[in-house]
Protein backbone atom coordinates (compact mmCIF):
# COMPACT_ATOMS: atom_id res chain seq x y z
CA MET A 1 -45.74 96.66 21.53
CA ARG A 2 -42.69 98.96 23.02
CA ARG A 3 -39.44 97.35 22.71
CA ILE A 4 -35.58 98.00 23.24
CA LEU A 5 -33.79 97.57 19.78
CA LYS A 6 -30.10 97.62 19.73
CA ARG A 7 -28.16 98.24 16.19
CA ILE A 8 -24.19 97.95 15.40
CA ALA A 9 -23.85 100.82 12.94
CA HIS A 10 -20.07 102.06 11.53
CA ALA A 11 -22.07 105.29 9.91
CA ALA A 12 -24.78 106.98 10.47
CA ALA A 13 -28.15 105.14 10.64
CA ILE A 14 -31.89 106.59 10.13
CA VAL A 15 -34.39 104.74 12.06
CA SER A 16 -38.21 105.61 10.96
CA ALA A 17 -41.37 104.32 12.26
CA LEU A 18 -40.05 103.58 15.51
CA SER A 19 -40.13 105.59 18.87
CA LEU A 20 -36.96 105.22 20.37
CA GLY A 21 -35.71 105.90 23.80
CA GLY A 22 -32.12 106.68 23.79
CA CYS A 23 -28.71 106.10 22.15
CA GLY A 24 -25.46 105.54 23.02
CA SER A 25 -22.17 103.72 22.23
CA ASN A 26 -19.12 101.69 23.58
CA SER A 27 -15.77 101.63 23.79
CA ASN A 28 -15.35 100.88 20.08
CA GLY A 29 -17.63 103.77 18.84
CA ASN A 30 -20.34 101.36 17.66
CA SER A 31 -23.67 103.23 18.46
CA THR A 32 -26.71 101.40 20.03
CA ILE A 33 -30.00 102.82 19.94
CA GLN A 34 -33.11 101.55 22.51
CA MET A 35 -36.85 102.10 22.53
CA GLY A 36 -37.91 103.32 25.62
CA GLY A 37 -40.42 101.45 28.29
CA ALA A 38 -39.46 98.10 27.13
CA LYS A 39 -39.68 95.20 29.50
CA GLN A 40 -37.47 93.21 27.01
CA GLY A 41 -34.78 93.01 24.99
CA ASN A 42 -34.70 92.71 21.17
CA VAL A 43 -31.65 92.72 18.76
CA LEU A 44 -31.90 94.53 15.53
CA THR A 45 -29.20 93.07 12.88
CA LEU A 46 -28.19 94.92 10.27
CA THR A 47 -30.95 92.77 7.79
CA GLY A 48 -33.80 94.29 10.20
CA THR A 49 -34.48 90.94 11.28
CA VAL A 50 -35.55 91.63 15.24
CA SER A 51 -35.48 88.24 17.42
CA ILE A 52 -36.28 88.78 21.55
CA LEU A 53 -33.38 88.08 23.48
CA ALA A 54 -34.42 88.41 26.66
CA GLY A 55 -37.32 89.36 28.80
CA GLN A 56 -41.37 89.19 27.90
CA ALA A 57 -43.34 91.60 26.36
CA LEU A 58 -45.78 93.51 28.59
CA GLN A 59 -44.08 91.26 31.76
CA LEU A 60 -42.43 93.42 34.64
CA GLY A 61 -40.03 92.19 37.30
CA THR A 62 -37.10 91.53 38.57
CA THR A 63 -35.87 87.95 38.31
CA ASP A 64 -32.96 86.78 36.94
CA GLY A 65 -33.19 83.92 34.40
CA THR A 66 -32.44 82.91 30.92
CA GLY A 67 -34.50 84.66 28.16
CA SER A 68 -38.01 85.43 28.40
CA VAL A 69 -37.78 83.95 31.90
CA ALA A 70 -35.99 87.05 33.09
CA ARG A 71 -37.77 89.85 33.71
CA PHE A 72 -37.12 94.16 33.40
CA ASN A 73 -38.98 97.24 34.31
CA ALA A 74 -38.41 100.17 31.76
CA PRO A 75 -34.76 99.30 31.17
CA SER A 76 -33.61 102.80 29.66
CA GLY A 77 -29.83 102.30 28.53
CA ILE A 78 -27.83 99.59 27.31
CA THR A 79 -24.07 98.97 26.14
CA THR A 80 -21.53 96.42 24.99
CA ASP A 81 -18.27 95.02 25.53
CA GLY A 82 -18.49 92.58 22.77
CA THR A 83 -19.62 89.51 25.16
CA SER A 84 -22.38 90.90 27.56
CA LEU A 85 -24.62 93.38 27.16
CA TYR A 86 -25.24 95.61 30.35
CA ILE A 87 -28.74 97.59 30.77
CA ALA A 88 -29.51 100.30 32.64
CA ASP A 89 -32.82 98.90 34.50
CA THR A 90 -34.26 102.32 35.28
CA GLY A 91 -37.50 100.71 36.54
CA ASN A 92 -36.32 98.25 38.98
CA ASN A 93 -33.07 100.87 39.92
CA THR A 94 -30.50 97.54 38.83
CA ILE A 95 -27.96 97.23 36.53
CA ARG A 96 -28.67 94.13 34.79
CA LYS A 97 -26.04 92.17 32.60
CA VAL A 98 -27.18 90.25 29.60
CA ASP A 99 -25.26 87.21 27.95
CA ILE A 100 -25.14 87.64 23.88
CA ALA A 101 -24.58 84.41 23.52
CA THR A 102 -27.21 82.65 25.68
CA GLY A 103 -29.47 85.27 26.82
CA ALA A 104 -28.74 84.42 30.45
CA VAL A 105 -29.38 87.24 32.74
CA THR A 106 -28.05 88.21 36.16
CA THR A 107 -28.33 91.72 38.53
CA LEU A 108 -24.83 92.98 38.18
CA ALA A 109 -25.03 96.08 40.59
CA GLY A 110 -28.41 97.50 42.57
CA THR A 111 -30.94 96.17 45.24
CA VAL A 112 -33.32 94.22 43.82
CA GLY A 113 -37.01 94.65 45.49
CA THR A 114 -39.57 92.20 46.07
CA GLY A 115 -41.34 91.04 43.04
CA THR A 116 -42.44 94.33 40.84
CA ALA A 117 -41.74 96.84 43.79
CA GLN A 118 -38.15 98.83 43.86
CA THR A 119 -35.51 99.78 46.04
CA SER A 120 -34.06 103.28 45.32
CA GLY A 121 -30.98 104.63 47.10
CA SER A 122 -27.74 106.11 46.70
CA THR A 123 -25.40 103.40 48.87
CA ASP A 124 -22.46 103.00 47.35
CA GLY A 125 -21.41 99.29 47.52
CA THR A 126 -20.99 95.89 45.75
CA GLY A 127 -23.22 93.88 44.05
CA SER A 128 -27.07 94.05 45.68
CA ALA A 129 -25.05 96.27 48.74
CA ALA A 130 -25.41 99.28 46.26
CA LYS A 131 -28.07 101.66 45.05
CA PHE A 132 -29.38 103.76 42.54
CA ASN A 133 -32.34 105.95 41.65
CA ALA A 134 -34.17 105.62 37.85
CA PRO A 135 -30.68 104.82 36.53
CA PHE A 136 -31.50 106.01 32.55
CA ALA A 137 -28.27 105.68 30.79
CA ILE A 138 -24.73 103.64 30.88
CA THR A 139 -21.62 103.22 28.64
CA THR A 140 -18.73 101.30 28.86
CA ASP A 141 -14.74 101.21 28.53
CA GLY A 142 -14.62 97.47 28.21
CA THR A 143 -13.59 97.12 32.36
CA ASN A 144 -15.88 99.56 33.92
CA LEU A 145 -19.52 100.67 33.60
CA TYR A 146 -20.60 104.66 33.64
CA VAL A 147 -24.02 105.18 35.01
CA ALA A 148 -25.81 108.32 35.00
CA ASP A 149 -28.57 107.81 37.88
CA THR A 150 -30.45 110.46 37.10
CA ASN A 151 -32.72 110.95 40.15
CA ASN A 152 -29.66 110.47 41.62
CA ASN A 153 -27.97 113.60 40.29
CA THR A 154 -25.12 111.50 39.70
CA ILE A 155 -22.25 109.57 37.59
CA ARG A 156 -21.59 106.31 39.00
CA LYS A 157 -18.95 103.69 37.92
CA VAL A 158 -19.56 99.81 38.50
CA VAL A 159 -16.56 97.49 38.18
CA ILE A 160 -17.61 94.37 35.76
CA ALA A 161 -15.27 91.68 36.99
CA THR A 162 -17.05 92.55 40.75
CA GLY A 163 -20.05 94.62 40.21
CA ALA A 164 -18.65 97.43 43.00
CA VAL A 165 -20.24 100.25 42.90
CA THR A 166 -18.87 104.17 43.31
CA THR A 167 -19.71 107.81 42.90
CA LEU A 168 -17.19 109.31 40.36
CA ALA A 169 -19.21 112.43 40.16
CA GLY A 170 -22.33 114.56 41.41
CA SER A 171 -23.54 114.55 44.88
CA ALA A 172 -26.54 112.67 45.81
CA GLY A 173 -30.40 114.85 46.43
CA ILE A 174 -28.52 118.04 45.32
CA PRO A 175 -29.16 119.57 41.64
CA GLY A 176 -26.60 121.94 40.38
CA SER A 177 -25.03 123.22 37.62
CA THR A 178 -21.00 123.76 39.69
CA ASP A 179 -17.99 122.44 37.71
CA GLY A 180 -15.95 120.75 40.31
CA ILE A 181 -13.98 117.35 41.30
CA GLY A 182 -16.26 114.12 42.29
CA SER A 183 -18.88 115.52 44.90
CA ALA A 184 -18.13 119.35 43.99
CA GLY A 185 -19.17 119.02 40.05
CA LEU A 186 -22.73 118.63 40.23
CA PHE A 187 -25.59 117.92 37.83
CA ASN A 188 -29.46 118.06 37.04
CA SER A 189 -31.14 114.81 36.22
CA PRO A 190 -27.97 113.10 34.08
CA SER A 191 -29.98 110.98 31.50
CA GLY A 192 -27.48 110.49 28.84
CA ILE A 193 -23.60 109.20 28.71
CA THR A 194 -20.94 107.73 26.18
CA THR A 195 -17.09 108.09 26.69
CA ASP A 196 -13.95 107.86 24.58
CA GLY A 197 -11.90 105.35 27.03
CA THR A 198 -10.62 108.34 28.75
CA ASP A 199 -13.49 111.16 29.51
CA LEU A 200 -17.42 110.76 29.63
CA TYR A 201 -19.55 112.68 28.07
CA VAL A 202 -22.86 113.59 30.03
CA SER A 203 -26.07 115.11 28.70
CA ASP A 204 -27.01 116.78 31.20
CA THR A 205 -30.89 116.99 30.89
CA GLY A 206 -31.88 119.88 33.72
CA ASN A 207 -29.12 121.67 33.31
CA ARG A 208 -29.14 121.84 29.32
CA THR A 209 -25.62 121.20 29.05
CA ILE A 210 -23.12 118.72 27.81
CA ARG A 211 -20.68 117.72 31.05
CA LYS A 212 -17.32 116.05 30.24
CA VAL A 213 -15.76 114.25 33.07
CA VAL A 214 -12.36 113.40 33.49
CA ILE A 215 -12.74 109.44 34.25
CA ALA A 216 -8.79 109.35 36.06
CA THR A 217 -9.98 112.36 38.85
CA GLY A 218 -13.53 112.72 38.48
CA ALA A 219 -12.85 116.54 37.23
CA VAL A 220 -16.29 117.99 35.93
CA THR A 221 -16.67 120.63 33.30
CA THR A 222 -19.17 121.85 31.07
CA LEU A 223 -18.54 121.29 27.56
CA ALA A 224 -21.24 123.14 25.56
CA GLY A 225 -24.17 125.05 26.34
CA SER A 226 -25.33 127.19 28.94
CA ALA A 227 -27.41 126.17 32.62
CA GLY A 228 -30.64 127.41 32.85
CA THR A 229 -30.98 128.37 29.27
CA PRO A 230 -33.09 126.59 26.70
CA GLY A 231 -32.30 125.49 23.32
CA TYR A 232 -33.55 124.13 20.07
CA TYR A 233 -33.57 120.60 18.74
CA VAL A 234 -30.61 119.86 15.73
CA ARG A 235 -32.97 120.02 13.12
CA PRO A 236 -32.29 116.94 10.12
CA PRO A 237 -31.39 117.70 6.61
CA LEU A 238 -33.87 118.42 4.18
CA GLY A 239 -36.81 116.22 3.63
CA ILE A 240 -36.39 114.13 6.69
CA ARG A 241 -38.83 114.71 8.96
CA ASN A 242 -39.96 114.53 12.80
CA PHE A 243 -36.55 113.02 13.89
CA ALA A 244 -34.23 114.82 16.18
CA VAL A 245 -30.76 113.94 16.15
CA CYS A 246 -28.76 111.83 18.58
CA TRP A 247 -24.81 112.45 18.77
CA THR A 248 -22.15 109.67 20.08
CA LEU A 249 -18.65 109.96 19.69
CA ARG A 250 -18.06 108.94 16.05
CA GLU A 251 -21.50 109.85 14.37
CA PRO A 252 -25.03 111.40 14.55
CA ILE A 253 -27.99 109.05 15.01
CA LEU A 254 -31.42 110.23 14.10
CA GLN A 255 -33.53 109.86 16.64
CA ARG A 256 -37.43 110.11 15.99
CA ARG A 257 -39.40 112.49 18.11
CA PRO A 258 -42.86 113.48 18.18
CA TYR A 259 -42.81 116.95 16.75
CA THR A 260 -43.89 118.23 13.87
């Protein structure tokens, strides 16, 4: 059964026998790990106990509700402010909020389709007036959410208190590798994001680069990598097989990959 797993770790964590979909961190530098393609949110405690917080296995949809009543569609990114979880619900093109204490799920931003239908787009707006296109990764500074809106090739900002969505950097529908400010800075399928509270750091997947975005100005620069030039996985320590390294700002998280 495919699941989303969240683990808070203050040291490097090795996760075995799992097929993980991504990793990120919150504003405190804590790390989160989630499995790709799940339709439910599970919490993995440090004791290894797994419980279902929200959603139901193999049941996709857009429904808000508490616990198993709620539905997701391929959620791929997760972050937290310590009270709530914020999920990039990729297949639904929405940003969902889950109350950790109760498992209550609401849609914070994005246009919800009917039934299992998805409504994609790039419109800025508040709540349901905003549109995303396969948002894949998410992070927070405690006040705002920052979303790697993968198919739009943009970085979006969501105000937690209001659900107001704006485009911080990138130009919807225009892939590229140009550094610049706001819409002049181009991305190509960004699919990972984290923050130190001042800047965003983005895995610009299609460009094979790591990009830096200044939150205050939207200025985009290339921190590492060469656009269009492929490289290699970072190999784990000797004796650990079938893992790649997913770095957060404070520690590496080893992420299992199906390579030999």
